[in-house]
Amino acid sequence: MRIAAAAGGVEFFVRAKPRSAHDRVHSEADDALVVQTTAPPVDGEANDRIVRIVAAFLDVPRSRVAIASGATSKLKKVHVTGIDVASARAAVAALRSA
């Protein structure tokens, strides 16, 4: 999975799975983190929940996570400030081994 350094943090792609049974980072696939959310893709509900899920996954405050592009798409670019590439890669590696 590609995680790039960007403006005081990192950027990577997330593949959204709205209306799922659970709120969680599920896996990585096709160069994106797969994030499941119970929220529907209506009025930004799924995006808000994805921000919360990614923040918890990376152990950063929600205010440091933003959808940089793709707000209306299932494939979204996420920007996270206050974290480096190595820390983000470590979190993804832990997901792989779980």
PDB file of N, CA and C in Angstrom:
ATOM      1  N   MET A   1       0.844  -1.173   0.000  1.00  0.00           N
ATOM      2  CA  MET A   1       0.000   0.000   0.000  1.00  0.00           C
ATOM      3  C   MET A   1       0.885   1.231   0.000  1.00  0.00           C
ATOM      4  N   ARG A   2       0.547   2.182  -0.835  1.00  0.00           N
ATOM      5  CA  ARG A   2       1.337   3.401  -0.964  1.00  0.00           C
ATOM      6  C   ARG A   2       0.899   4.415   0.094  1.00  0.00           C
ATOM      7  N   ILE A   3       1.853   4.823   0.916  1.00  0.00           N
ATOM      8  CA  ILE A   3       1.643   5.882   1.904  1.00  0.00           C
ATOM      9  C   ILE A   3       2.688   6.940   1.613  1.00  0.00           C
ATOM     10  N   ALA A   4       2.253   8.143   1.305  1.00  0.00           N
ATOM     11  CA  ALA A   4       3.168   9.211   0.894  1.00  0.00           C
ATOM     12  C   ALA A   4       3.225  10.309   1.954  1.00  0.00           C
ATOM     13  N   ALA A   5       4.416  10.870   2.123  1.00  0.00           N
ATOM     14  CA  ALA A   5       4.573  12.030   3.000  1.00  0.00           C
ATOM     15  C   ALA A   5       3.930  13.232   2.317  1.00  0.00           C
ATOM     16  N   ALA A   6       3.196  14.032   3.084  1.00  0.00           N
ATOM     17  CA  ALA A   6       2.512  15.194   2.511  1.00  0.00           C
ATOM     18  C   ALA A   6       2.169  16.201   3.599  1.00  0.00           C
ATOM     19  N   ALA A   7       2.605  17.435   3.442  1.00  0.00           N
ATOM     20  CA  ALA A   7       2.200  18.581   4.267  1.00  0.00           C
ATOM     21  C   ALA A   7       2.039  18.267   5.746  1.00  0.00           C
ATOM     22  N   GLY A   8       3.119  17.906   6.405  1.00  0.00           N
ATOM     23  CA  GLY A   8       3.082  17.678   7.837  1.00  0.00           C
ATOM     24  C   GLY A   8       2.461  16.361   8.252  1.00  0.00           C
ATOM     25  N   GLY A   9       2.341  15.437   7.326  1.00  0.00           N
ATOM     26  CA  GLY A   9       1.728  14.152   7.644  1.00  0.00           C
ATOM     27  C   GLY A   9       1.861  13.170   6.508  1.00  0.00           C
ATOM     28  N   VAL A  10       0.797  12.420   6.281  1.00  0.00           N
ATOM     29  CA  VAL A  10       0.795  11.403   5.232  1.00  0.00           C
ATOM     30  C   VAL A  10      -0.512  11.444   4.456  1.00  0.00           C
ATOM     31  N   GLU A  11      -0.474  10.873   3.269  1.00  0.00           N
ATOM     32  CA  GLU A  11      -1.675  10.687   2.453  1.00  0.00           C
ATOM     33  C   GLU A  11      -1.694   9.267   1.929  1.00  0.00           C
ATOM     34  N   PHE A  12      -2.882   8.708   1.860  1.00  0.00           N
ATOM     35  CA  PHE A  12      -3.074   7.366   1.306  1.00  0.00           C
ATOM     36  C   PHE A  12      -4.524   7.242   0.870  1.00  0.00           C
ATOM     37  N   PHE A  13      -4.819   6.169   0.157  1.00  0.00           N
ATOM     38  CA  PHE A  13      -6.176   5.954  -0.333  1.00  0.00           C
ATOM     39  C   PHE A  13      -6.937   5.001   0.581  1.00  0.00           C
ATOM     40  N   VAL A  14      -8.233   5.261   0.687  1.00  0.00           N
ATOM     41  CA  VAL A  14      -9.152   4.435   1.463  1.00  0.00           C
ATOM     42  C   VAL A  14     -10.276   4.000   0.530  1.00  0.00           C
ATOM     43  N   ARG A  15     -10.619   2.737   0.581  1.00  0.00           N
ATOM     44  CA  ARG A  15     -11.783   2.233  -0.154  1.00  0.00           C
ATOM     45  C   ARG A  15     -12.908   2.068   0.874  1.00  0.00           C
ATOM     46  N   ALA A  16     -13.962   2.855   0.714  1.00  0.00           N
ATOM     47  CA  ALA A  16     -15.081   2.866   1.656  1.00  0.00           C
ATOM     48  C   ALA A  16     -16.055   1.738   1.374  1.00  0.00           C
ATOM     49  N   LYS A  17     -16.514   1.108   2.427  1.00  0.00           N
ATOM     50  CA  LYS A  17     -17.547   0.076   2.362  1.00  0.00           C
ATOM     51  C   LYS A  17     -18.680   0.506   3.300  1.00  0.00           C
ATOM     52  N   PRO A  18     -19.567   1.420   2.827  1.00  0.00           N
ATOM     53  CA  PRO A  18     -20.665   1.881   3.686  1.00  0.00           C
ATOM     54  C   PRO A  18     -21.711   0.789   3.886  1.00  0.00           C
ATOM     55  N   ARG A  19     -22.532   1.008   4.898  1.00  0.00           N
ATOM     56  CA  ARG A  19     -23.605   0.071   5.260  1.00  0.00           C
ATOM     57  C   ARG A  19     -23.086  -1.338   5.540  1.00  0.00           C
ATOM     58  N   SER A  20     -21.920  -1.421   6.164  1.00  0.00           N
ATOM     59  CA  SER A  20     -21.353  -2.716   6.549  1.00  0.00           C
ATOM     60  C   SER A  20     -21.873  -3.106   7.930  1.00  0.00           C
ATOM     61  N   ALA A  21     -21.535  -4.281   8.356  1.00  0.00           N
ATOM     62  CA  ALA A  21     -21.981  -4.762   9.661  1.00  0.00           C
ATOM     63  C   ALA A  21     -21.187  -4.159  10.816  1.00  0.00           C
ATOM     64  N   HIS A  22     -19.953  -3.680  10.531  1.00  0.00           N
ATOM     65  CA  HIS A  22     -19.073  -3.179  11.591  1.00  0.00           C
ATOM     66  C   HIS A  22     -18.390  -1.893  11.145  1.00  0.00           C
ATOM     67  N   ASP A  23     -17.928  -1.117  12.126  1.00  0.00           N
ATOM     68  CA  ASP A  23     -17.059   0.028  11.872  1.00  0.00           C
ATOM     69  C   ASP A  23     -15.642  -0.424  12.155  1.00  0.00           C
ATOM     70  N   ARG A  24     -14.821  -0.548  11.104  1.00  0.00           N
ATOM     71  CA  ARG A  24     -13.445  -1.013  11.307  1.00  0.00           C
ATOM     72  C   ARG A  24     -12.619  -0.854  10.049  1.00  0.00           C
ATOM     73  N   VAL A  25     -11.308  -0.858  10.251  1.00  0.00           N
ATOM     74  CA  VAL A  25     -10.388  -0.999   9.127  1.00  0.00           C
ATOM     75  C   VAL A  25     -10.320  -2.490   8.886  1.00  0.00           C
ATOM     76  N   HIS A  26     -10.752  -2.901   7.723  1.00  0.00           N
ATOM     77  CA  HIS A  26     -10.900  -4.320   7.424  1.00  0.00           C
ATOM     78  C   HIS A  26      -9.611  -4.938   6.907  1.00  0.00           C
ATOM     79  N   SER A  27      -9.000  -4.326   5.906  1.00  0.00           N
ATOM     80  CA  SER A  27      -7.828  -4.903   5.251  1.00  0.00           C
ATOM     81  C   SER A  27      -7.220  -3.852   4.332  1.00  0.00           C
ATOM     82  N   GLU A  28      -6.290  -4.294   3.517  1.00  0.00           N
ATOM     83  CA  GLU A  28      -5.792  -3.449   2.444  1.00  0.00           C
ATOM     84  C   GLU A  28      -5.951  -4.217   1.144  1.00  0.00           C
ATOM     85  N   ALA A  29      -6.341  -3.491   0.096  1.00  0.00           N
ATOM     86  CA  ALA A  29      -6.554  -4.130  -1.200  1.00  0.00           C
ATOM     87  C   ALA A  29      -6.430  -3.090  -2.293  1.00  0.00           C
ATOM     88  N   ASP A  30      -5.853  -3.474  -3.411  1.00  0.00           N
ATOM     89  CA  ASP A  30      -5.721  -2.569  -4.558  1.00  0.00           C
ATOM     90  C   ASP A  30      -5.108  -1.232  -4.167  1.00  0.00           C
ATOM     91  N   ASP A  31      -4.045  -1.271  -3.359  1.00  0.00           N
ATOM     92  CA  ASP A  31      -3.302  -0.081  -2.956  1.00  0.00           C
ATOM     93  C   ASP A  31      -4.143   0.897  -2.126  1.00  0.00           C
ATOM     94  N   ALA A  32      -5.113   0.375  -1.376  1.00  0.00           N
ATOM     95  CA  ALA A  32      -5.947   1.215  -0.517  1.00  0.00           C
ATOM     96  C   ALA A  32      -6.293   0.463   0.761  1.00  0.00           C
ATOM     97  N   LEU A  33      -6.530   1.209   1.803  1.00  0.00           N
ATOM     98  CA  LEU A  33      -7.002   0.662   3.061  1.00  0.00           C
ATOM     99  C   LEU A  33      -8.517   0.485   2.945  1.00  0.00           C
ATOM    100  N   VAL A  34      -9.022  -0.689   3.231  1.00  0.00           N
ATOM    101  CA  VAL A  34     -10.454  -0.951   3.144  1.00  0.00           C
ATOM    102  C   VAL A  34     -11.079  -0.639   4.504  1.00  0.00           C
ATOM    103  N   VAL A  35     -11.995   0.336   4.514  1.00  0.00           N
ATOM    104  CA  VAL A  35     -12.639   0.764   5.757  1.00  0.00           C
ATOM    105  C   VAL A  35     -14.133   0.487   5.665  1.00  0.00           C
ATOM    106  N   GLN A  36     -14.620  -0.325   6.584  1.00  0.00           N
ATOM    107  CA  GLN A  36     -16.045  -0.643   6.651  1.00  0.00           C
ATOM    108  C   GLN A  36     -16.705   0.300   7.663  1.00  0.00           C
ATOM    109  N   THR A  37     -17.903   0.754   7.325  1.00  0.00           N
ATOM    110  CA  THR A  37     -18.674   1.571   8.254  1.00  0.00           C
ATOM    111  C   THR A  37     -20.146   1.208   8.170  1.00  0.00           C
ATOM    112  N   THR A  38     -20.802   1.291   9.303  1.00  0.00           N
ATOM    113  CA  THR A  38     -22.237   1.020   9.343  1.00  0.00           C
ATOM    114  C   THR A  38     -23.039   2.198   8.799  1.00  0.00           C
ATOM    115  N   ALA A  39     -22.414   3.348   8.671  1.00  0.00           N
ATOM    116  CA  ALA A  39     -23.108   4.562   8.214  1.00  0.00           C
ATOM    117  C   ALA A  39     -23.450   4.468   6.729  1.00  0.00           C
ATOM    118  N   PRO A  40     -24.580   5.060   6.352  1.00  0.00           N
ATOM    119  CA  PRO A  40     -24.943   5.097   4.931  1.00  0.00           C
ATOM    120  C   PRO A  40     -24.193   6.234   4.233  1.00  0.00           C
ATOM    121  N   PRO A  41     -24.032   6.132   2.921  1.00  0.00           N
ATOM    122  CA  PRO A  41     -23.340   7.196   2.181  1.00  0.00           C
ATOM    123  C   PRO A  41     -24.283   8.359   1.868  1.00  0.00           C
ATOM    124  N   VAL A  42     -24.851   8.939   2.905  1.00  0.00           N
ATOM    125  CA  VAL A  42     -25.836  10.009   2.759  1.00  0.00           C
ATOM    126  C   VAL A  42     -25.420  11.185   3.633  1.00  0.00           C
ATOM    127  N   ASP A  43     -25.462  12.388   3.067  1.00  0.00           N
ATOM    128  CA  ASP A  43     -25.171  13.618   3.813  1.00  0.00           C
ATOM    129  C   ASP A  43     -23.840  13.584   4.551  1.00  0.00           C
ATOM    130  N   GLY A  44     -22.855  12.904   4.000  1.00  0.00           N
ATOM    131  CA  GLY A  44     -21.522  12.882   4.591  1.00  0.00           C
ATOM    132  C   GLY A  44     -21.377  11.989   5.814  1.00  0.00           C
ATOM    133  N   GLU A  45     -22.416  11.224   6.142  1.00  0.00           N
ATOM    134  CA  GLU A  45     -22.353  10.363   7.330  1.00  0.00           C
ATOM    135  C   GLU A  45     -21.229   9.336   7.236  1.00  0.00           C
ATOM    136  N   ALA A  46     -21.102   8.673   6.094  1.00  0.00           N
ATOM    137  CA  ALA A  46     -20.051   7.664   5.934  1.00  0.00           C
ATOM    138  C   ALA A  46     -18.674   8.312   6.005  1.00  0.00           C
ATOM    139  N   ASN A  47     -18.505   9.476   5.390  1.00  0.00           N
ATOM    140  CA  ASN A  47     -17.214  10.168   5.442  1.00  0.00           C
ATOM    141  C   ASN A  47     -16.843  10.530   6.872  1.00  0.00           C
ATOM    142  N   ASP A  48     -17.791  11.048   7.632  1.00  0.00           N
ATOM    143  CA  ASP A  48     -17.523  11.392   9.030  1.00  0.00           C
ATOM    144  C   ASP A  48     -17.091  10.162   9.819  1.00  0.00           C
ATOM    145  N   ARG A  49     -17.776   9.073   9.599  1.00  0.00           N
ATOM    146  CA  ARG A  49     -17.449   7.845  10.323  1.00  0.00           C
ATOM    147  C   ARG A  49     -16.092   7.306   9.881  1.00  0.00           C
ATOM    148  N   ILE A  50     -15.775   7.405   8.582  1.00  0.00           N
ATOM    149  CA  ILE A  50     -14.471   6.945   8.092  1.00  0.00           C
ATOM    150  C   ILE A  50     -13.349   7.746   8.734  1.00  0.00           C
ATOM    151  N   VAL A  51     -13.537   9.047   8.867  1.00  0.00           N
ATOM    152  CA  VAL A  51     -12.529   9.884   9.534  1.00  0.00           C
ATOM    153  C   VAL A  51     -12.306   9.375  10.961  1.00  0.00           C
ATOM    154  N   ARG A  52     -13.365   9.079  11.682  1.00  0.00           N
ATOM    155  CA  ARG A  52     -13.247   8.572  13.054  1.00  0.00           C
ATOM    156  C   ARG A  52     -12.543   7.222  13.104  1.00  0.00           C
ATOM    157  N   ILE A  53     -12.885   6.338  12.175  1.00  0.00           N
ATOM    158  CA  ILE A  53     -12.293   5.002  12.146  1.00  0.00           C
ATOM    159  C   ILE A  53     -10.800   5.083  11.843  1.00  0.00           C
ATOM    160  N   VAL A  54     -10.436   5.888  10.853  1.00  0.00           N
ATOM    161  CA  VAL A  54      -9.017   6.033  10.488  1.00  0.00           C
ATOM    162  C   VAL A  54      -8.241   6.673  11.640  1.00  0.00           C
ATOM    163  N   ALA A  55      -8.827   7.670  12.288  1.00  0.00           N
ATOM    164  CA  ALA A  55      -8.160   8.323  13.424  1.00  0.00           C
ATOM    165  C   ALA A  55      -7.895   7.312  14.539  1.00  0.00           C
ATOM    166  N   ALA A  56      -8.875   6.490  14.858  1.00  0.00           N
ATOM    167  CA  ALA A  56      -8.693   5.478  15.897  1.00  0.00           C
ATOM    168  C   ALA A  56      -7.646   4.446  15.478  1.00  0.00           C
ATOM    169  N   PHE A  57      -7.679   4.041  14.215  1.00  0.00           N
ATOM    170  CA  PHE A  57      -6.734   3.056  13.699  1.00  0.00           C
ATOM    171  C   PHE A  57      -5.294   3.544  13.815  1.00  0.00           C
ATOM    172  N   LEU A  58      -5.085   4.833  13.511  1.00  0.00           N
ATOM    173  CA  LEU A  58      -3.736   5.407  13.561  1.00  0.00           C
ATOM    174  C   LEU A  58      -3.413   6.040  14.909  1.00  0.00           C
ATOM    175  N   ASP A  59      -4.366   6.015  15.821  1.00  0.00           N
ATOM    176  CA  ASP A  59      -4.196   6.570  17.163  1.00  0.00           C
ATOM    177  C   ASP A  59      -3.821   8.058  17.130  1.00  0.00           C
ATOM    178  N   VAL A  60      -4.595   8.816  16.358  1.00  0.00           N
ATOM    179  CA  VAL A  60      -4.440  10.268  16.284  1.00  0.00           C
ATOM    180  C   VAL A  60      -5.810  10.907  16.535  1.00  0.00           C
ATOM    181  N   PRO A  61      -5.841  12.178  16.935  1.00  0.00           N
ATOM    182  CA  PRO A  61      -7.137  12.847  17.103  1.00  0.00           C
ATOM    183  C   PRO A  61      -7.872  12.974  15.769  1.00  0.00           C
ATOM    184  N   ARG A  62      -9.209  12.948  15.840  1.00  0.00           N
ATOM    185  CA  ARG A  62     -10.026  13.079  14.623  1.00  0.00           C
ATOM    186  C   ARG A  62      -9.711  14.346  13.854  1.00  0.00           C
ATOM    187  N   SER A  63      -9.350  15.401  14.554  1.00  0.00           N
ATOM    188  CA  SER A  63      -9.073  16.676  13.903  1.00  0.00           C
ATOM    189  C   SER A  63      -7.868  16.614  12.972  1.00  0.00           C
ATOM    190  N   ARG A  64      -7.078  15.575  13.078  1.00  0.00           N
ATOM    191  CA  ARG A  64      -5.896  15.428  12.221  1.00  0.00           C
ATOM    192  C   ARG A  64      -6.162  14.620  10.963  1.00  0.00           C
ATOM    193  N   VAL A  65      -7.366  14.130  10.800  1.00  0.00           N
ATOM    194  CA  VAL A  65      -7.711  13.302   9.644  1.00  0.00           C
ATOM    195  C   VAL A  65      -8.725  14.048   8.786  1.00  0.00           C
ATOM    196  N   ALA A  66      -8.467  14.091   7.477  1.00  0.00           N
ATOM    197  CA  ALA A  66      -9.382  14.766   6.553  1.00  0.00           C
ATOM    198  C   ALA A  66      -9.454  13.994   5.245  1.00  0.00           C
ATOM    199  N   ILE A  67     -10.617  14.054   4.622  1.00  0.00           N
ATOM    200  CA  ILE A  67     -10.782  13.491   3.283  1.00  0.00           C
ATOM    201  C   ILE A  67     -10.250  14.548   2.320  1.00  0.00           C
ATOM    202  N   ALA A  68      -9.131  14.258   1.660  1.00  0.00           N
ATOM    203  CA  ALA A  68      -8.500  15.227   0.761  1.00  0.00           C
ATOM    204  C   ALA A  68      -9.175  15.269  -0.601  1.00  0.00           C
ATOM    205  N   SER A  69      -9.662  14.125  -1.061  1.00  0.00           N
ATOM    206  CA  SER A  69     -10.388  14.069  -2.330  1.00  0.00           C
ATOM    207  C   SER A  69     -11.224  12.803  -2.364  1.00  0.00           C
ATOM    208  N   GLY A  70     -12.240  12.811  -3.220  1.00  0.00           N
ATOM    209  CA  GLY A  70     -13.090  11.648  -3.380  1.00  0.00           C
ATOM    210  C   GLY A  70     -14.223  11.568  -2.381  1.00  0.00           C
ATOM    211  N   ALA A  71     -14.686  12.692  -1.884  1.00  0.00           N
ATOM    212  CA  ALA A  71     -15.740  12.698  -0.857  1.00  0.00           C
ATOM    213  C   ALA A  71     -17.006  11.986  -1.312  1.00  0.00           C
ATOM    214  N   THR A  72     -17.295  12.001  -2.602  1.00  0.00           N
ATOM    215  CA  THR A  72     -18.508  11.336  -3.098  1.00  0.00           C
ATOM    216  C   THR A  72     -18.205  10.006  -3.782  1.00  0.00           C
ATOM    217  N   SER A  73     -16.984   9.555  -3.679  1.00  0.00           N
ATOM    218  CA  SER A  73     -16.557   8.305  -4.309  1.00  0.00           C
ATOM    219  C   SER A  73     -16.264   7.256  -3.246  1.00  0.00           C
ATOM    220  N   LYS A  74     -16.263   5.998  -3.631  1.00  0.00           N
ATOM    221  CA  LYS A  74     -15.862   4.955  -2.685  1.00  0.00           C
ATOM    222  C   LYS A  74     -14.352   4.967  -2.459  1.00  0.00           C
ATOM    223  N   LEU A  75     -13.588   5.453  -3.445  1.00  0.00           N
ATOM    224  CA  LEU A  75     -12.142   5.564  -3.304  1.00  0.00           C
ATOM    225  C   LEU A  75     -11.809   6.991  -2.910  1.00  0.00           C
ATOM    226  N   LYS A  76     -11.248   7.164  -1.724  1.00  0.00           N
ATOM    227  CA  LYS A  76     -10.985   8.491  -1.173  1.00  0.00           C
ATOM    228  C   LYS A  76      -9.502   8.641  -0.843  1.00  0.00           C
ATOM    229  N   LYS A  77      -8.977   9.827  -1.034  1.00  0.00           N
ATOM    230  CA  LYS A  77      -7.630  10.126  -0.580  1.00  0.00           C
ATOM    231  C   LYS A  77      -7.766  10.768   0.793  1.00  0.00           C
ATOM    232  N   VAL A  78      -7.057  10.227   1.771  1.00  0.00           N
ATOM    233  CA  VAL A  78      -7.120  10.711   3.142  1.00  0.00           C
ATOM    234  C   VAL A  78      -5.788  11.356   3.503  1.00  0.00           C
ATOM    235  N   HIS A  79      -5.867  12.511   4.157  1.00  0.00           N
ATOM    236  CA  HIS A  79      -4.676  13.219   4.635  1.00  0.00           C
ATOM    237  C   HIS A  79      -4.695  13.185   6.163  1.00  0.00           C
ATOM    238  N   VAL A  80      -3.576  12.753   6.757  1.00  0.00           N
ATOM    239  CA  VAL A  80      -3.458  12.679   8.209  1.00  0.00           C
ATOM    240  C   VAL A  80      -2.228  13.475   8.621  1.00  0.00           C
ATOM    241  N   THR A  81      -2.426  14.488   9.456  1.00  0.00           N
ATOM    242  CA  THR A  81      -1.297  15.284   9.941  1.00  0.00           C
ATOM    243  C   THR A  81      -0.814  14.742  11.281  1.00  0.00           C
ATOM    244  N   GLY A  82       0.431  15.065  11.600  1.00  0.00           N
ATOM    245  CA  GLY A  82       0.986  14.680  12.887  1.00  0.00           C
ATOM    246  C   GLY A  82       1.417  13.231  12.983  1.00  0.00           C
ATOM    247  N   ILE A  83       1.616  12.581  11.859  1.00  0.00           N
ATOM    248  CA  ILE A  83       2.087  11.195  11.837  1.00  0.00           C
ATOM    249  C   ILE A  83       3.062  11.067  10.676  1.00  0.00           C
ATOM    250  N   ASP A  84       4.052  10.214  10.843  1.00  0.00           N
ATOM    251  CA  ASP A  84       5.021  10.035   9.757  1.00  0.00           C
ATOM    252  C   ASP A  84       4.726   8.743   8.990  1.00  0.00           C
ATOM    253  N   VAL A  85       5.386   8.603   7.872  1.00  0.00           N
ATOM    254  CA  VAL A  85       5.156   7.448   6.991  1.00  0.00           C
ATOM    255  C   VAL A  85       5.474   6.142   7.718  1.00  0.00           C
ATOM    256  N   ALA A  86       6.556   6.129   8.483  1.00  0.00           N
ATOM    257  CA  ALA A  86       6.938   4.900   9.184  1.00  0.00           C
ATOM    258  C   ALA A  86       5.866   4.459  10.179  1.00  0.00           C
ATOM    259  N   SER A  87       5.281   5.381  10.906  1.00  0.00           N
ATOM    260  CA  SER A  87       4.224   5.041  11.870  1.00  0.00           C
ATOM    261  C   SER A  87       2.977   4.526  11.167  1.00  0.00           C
ATOM    262  N   ALA A  88       2.620   5.157  10.069  1.00  0.00           N
ATOM    263  CA  ALA A  88       1.445   4.707   9.306  1.00  0.00           C
ATOM    264  C   ALA A  88       1.685   3.323   8.725  1.00  0.00           C
ATOM    265  N   ARG A  89       2.874   3.090   8.204  1.00  0.00           N
ATOM    266  CA  ARG A  89       3.193   1.772   7.652  1.00  0.00           C
ATOM    267  C   ARG A  89       3.183   0.708   8.746  1.00  0.00           C
ATOM    268  N   ALA A  90       3.640   1.073   9.935  1.00  0.00           N
ATOM    269  CA  ALA A  90       3.630   0.120  11.054  1.00  0.00           C
ATOM    270  C   ALA A  90       2.202  -0.292  11.423  1.00  0.00           C
ATOM    271  N   ALA A  91       1.280   0.662  11.394  1.00  0.00           N
ATOM    272  CA  ALA A  91      -0.125   0.346  11.696  1.00  0.00           C
ATOM    273  C   ALA A  91      -0.695  -0.594  10.640  1.00  0.00           C
ATOM    274  N   VAL A  92      -0.376  -0.358   9.381  1.00  0.00           N
ATOM    275  CA  VAL A  92      -0.876  -1.224   8.307  1.00  0.00           C
ATOM    276  C   VAL A  92      -0.236  -2.603   8.411  1.00  0.00           C
ATOM    277  N   ALA A  93       1.044  -2.658   8.746  1.00  0.00           N
ATOM    278  CA  ALA A  93       1.715  -3.944   8.902  1.00  0.00           C
ATOM    279  C   ALA A  93       1.094  -4.746  10.039  1.00  0.00           C
ATOM    280  N   ALA A  94       0.707  -4.073  11.108  1.00  0.00           N
ATOM    281  CA  ALA A  94       0.047  -4.760  12.234  1.00  0.00           C
ATOM    282  C   ALA A  94      -1.302  -5.319  11.791  1.00  0.00           C
ATOM    283  N   LEU A  95      -1.977  -4.610  10.913  1.00  0.00           N
ATOM    284  CA  LEU A  95      -3.259  -5.087  10.381  1.00  0.00           C
ATOM    285  C   LEU A  95      -3.052  -6.383   9.602  1.00  0.00           C
ATOM    286  N   ARG A  96      -1.981  -6.434   8.816  1.00  0.00           N
ATOM    287  CA  ARG A  96      -1.689  -7.620   8.014  1.00  0.00           C
ATOM    288  C   ARG A  96      -1.427  -8.844   8.896  1.00  0.00           C
ATOM    289  N   SER A  97      -0.765  -8.635  10.024  1.00  0.00           N
ATOM    290  CA  SER A  97      -0.383  -9.761  10.871  1.00  0.00           C
ATOM    291  C   SER A  97      -1.485 -10.166  11.848  1.00  0.00           C
ATOM    292  N   ALA A  98      -2.561  -9.382  11.910  1.00  0.00           N
ATOM    293  CA  ALA A  98      -3.653  -9.699  12.853  1.00  0.00           C
ATOM    294  C   ALA A  98      -4.557 -10.777  12.317  1.00  0.00           C
TER     295      ALA A  98
END
